[in-house]
Amino acid sequence: MTETGTAAAGEVPPELAALRSSIDNIDAALVHLLAERFKCTQRVGVLKAEQQLPAADPGREERQITRLRSLATSAGLDPVFAEKFLNFVIAEVIHHHQRIAEGG
């Protein structure tokens, strides 16, 4: 730190370094949680294919979006962002289910 309290070029203030470390840990946890979620949804895709059920389930998807928006609001997260994120995940899951149903 310089006398004015600002970080010298290339030096990261300790609080910033600590926050970045926390962000890195959270990102790693998110990746692992998504991997676990996709393991479950892959199994769902296999079960749907075996039972000749459609890849998409609009009723369930709508209930999940409503649920996630409520959870986001309670957690102080923008529910619009949470819905966009879940829609992205759902679209990927449906794509996987379609590939499984086609024998892929």
Protein backbone atom coordinates (compact mmCIF):
# COMPACT_ATOMS: atom_id res chain seq x y z
CA MET A 1 0.00 0.00 0.00
CA THR A 2 1.10 3.52 -0.67
CA GLU A 3 0.90 6.36 1.84
CA THR A 4 -2.47 7.38 0.37
CA GLY A 5 -3.92 3.99 1.18
CA THR A 6 -4.13 2.80 -2.43
CA ALA A 7 -2.54 -0.39 -3.65
CA ALA A 8 0.67 -0.14 -5.60
CA ALA A 9 0.59 -1.33 -9.20
CA GLY A 10 0.22 -5.10 -9.27
CA GLU A 11 -0.53 -5.32 -5.54
CA VAL A 12 -3.95 -6.67 -4.57
CA PRO A 13 -5.47 -5.30 -1.37
CA PRO A 14 -6.02 -8.05 1.24
CA GLU A 15 -9.80 -7.61 1.34
CA LEU A 16 -10.01 -7.92 -2.45
CA ALA A 17 -7.81 -11.02 -2.38
CA ALA A 18 -10.01 -12.57 0.31
CA LEU A 19 -13.20 -11.82 -1.63
CA ARG A 20 -11.71 -13.26 -4.81
CA SER A 21 -10.74 -16.40 -2.91
CA SER A 22 -14.31 -16.75 -1.65
CA ILE A 23 -15.65 -16.24 -5.17
CA ASP A 24 -13.29 -18.93 -6.49
CA ASN A 25 -14.52 -21.36 -3.83
CA ILE A 26 -18.16 -20.57 -4.59
CA ASP A 27 -17.56 -21.03 -8.33
CA ALA A 28 -16.01 -24.44 -7.65
CA ALA A 29 -19.00 -25.42 -5.51
CA LEU A 30 -21.40 -24.29 -8.25
CA VAL A 31 -19.61 -26.42 -10.83
CA HIS A 32 -19.77 -29.47 -8.56
CA LEU A 33 -23.45 -28.87 -7.76
CA LEU A 34 -24.28 -28.51 -11.45
CA ALA A 35 -22.40 -31.74 -12.18
CA GLU A 36 -24.45 -33.54 -9.52
CA ARG A 37 -27.66 -32.04 -10.87
CA PHE A 38 -26.85 -33.21 -14.39
CA LYS A 39 -26.06 -36.72 -13.14
CA CYS A 40 -29.59 -36.84 -11.73
CA THR A 41 -31.18 -35.39 -14.84
CA GLN A 42 -29.28 -37.85 -17.05
CA ARG A 43 -30.87 -40.68 -15.08
CA VAL A 44 -34.27 -38.97 -15.45
CA GLY A 45 -33.64 -38.85 -19.20
CA VAL A 46 -32.96 -42.58 -19.29
CA LEU A 47 -36.13 -43.32 -17.31
CA LYS A 48 -38.20 -41.07 -19.59
CA ALA A 49 -36.78 -42.78 -22.68
CA GLU A 50 -37.48 -46.24 -21.25
CA GLN A 51 -41.07 -45.24 -20.48
CA GLN A 52 -41.46 -43.31 -23.74
CA LEU A 53 -42.24 -40.08 -21.92
CA PRO A 54 -41.60 -36.70 -23.55
CA ALA A 55 -38.27 -34.99 -22.91
CA ALA A 56 -39.97 -31.83 -21.68
CA ASP A 57 -42.46 -31.55 -18.82
CA PRO A 58 -43.86 -28.00 -19.05
CA GLY A 59 -45.90 -28.31 -15.84
CA ARG A 60 -42.90 -29.39 -13.78
CA GLU A 61 -40.73 -26.76 -15.42
CA GLU A 62 -43.21 -24.01 -14.54
CA ARG A 63 -43.43 -25.22 -10.93
CA GLN A 64 -39.63 -25.25 -10.71
CA ILE A 65 -39.39 -21.72 -12.10
CA THR A 66 -41.99 -20.47 -9.62
CA ARG A 67 -40.18 -22.24 -6.78
CA LEU A 68 -36.77 -20.93 -7.81
CA ARG A 69 -38.06 -17.35 -8.18
CA SER A 70 -39.43 -17.57 -4.63
CA LEU A 71 -36.16 -18.98 -3.30
CA ALA A 72 -34.22 -16.26 -5.10
CA THR A 73 -36.40 -13.54 -3.62
CA SER A 74 -35.93 -14.99 -0.13
CA ALA A 75 -32.17 -15.14 -0.66
CA GLY A 76 -31.90 -11.58 -1.96
CA LEU A 77 -31.13 -12.69 -5.52
CA ASP A 78 -32.83 -11.11 -8.51
CA PRO A 79 -35.67 -13.55 -9.38
CA VAL A 80 -35.47 -12.56 -13.06
CA PHE A 81 -31.82 -13.63 -13.12
CA ALA A 82 -32.69 -16.86 -11.29
CA GLU A 83 -35.39 -17.62 -13.85
CA LYS A 84 -33.04 -16.96 -16.77
CA PHE A 85 -30.46 -19.26 -15.20
CA LEU A 86 -32.99 -22.05 -14.61
CA ASN A 87 -34.37 -21.69 -18.14
CA PHE A 88 -30.84 -22.13 -19.48
CA VAL A 89 -30.34 -25.27 -17.36
CA ILE A 90 -33.77 -26.67 -18.31
CA ALA A 91 -33.08 -26.15 -22.02
CA GLU A 92 -29.82 -28.08 -21.69
CA VAL A 93 -31.52 -30.88 -19.75
CA ILE A 94 -34.27 -31.19 -22.39
CA HIS A 95 -31.59 -31.33 -25.09
CA HIS A 96 -29.86 -34.16 -23.19
CA HIS A 97 -33.18 -36.00 -22.76
CA GLN A 98 -33.89 -35.71 -26.47
CA ARG A 99 -30.46 -37.15 -27.30
CA ILE A 100 -31.02 -40.02 -24.87
CA ALA A 101 -34.46 -40.73 -26.39
CA GLU A 102 -32.86 -40.83 -29.85
CA GLY A 103 -30.36 -43.39 -28.60
CA GLY A 104 -27.48 -40.98 -28.20
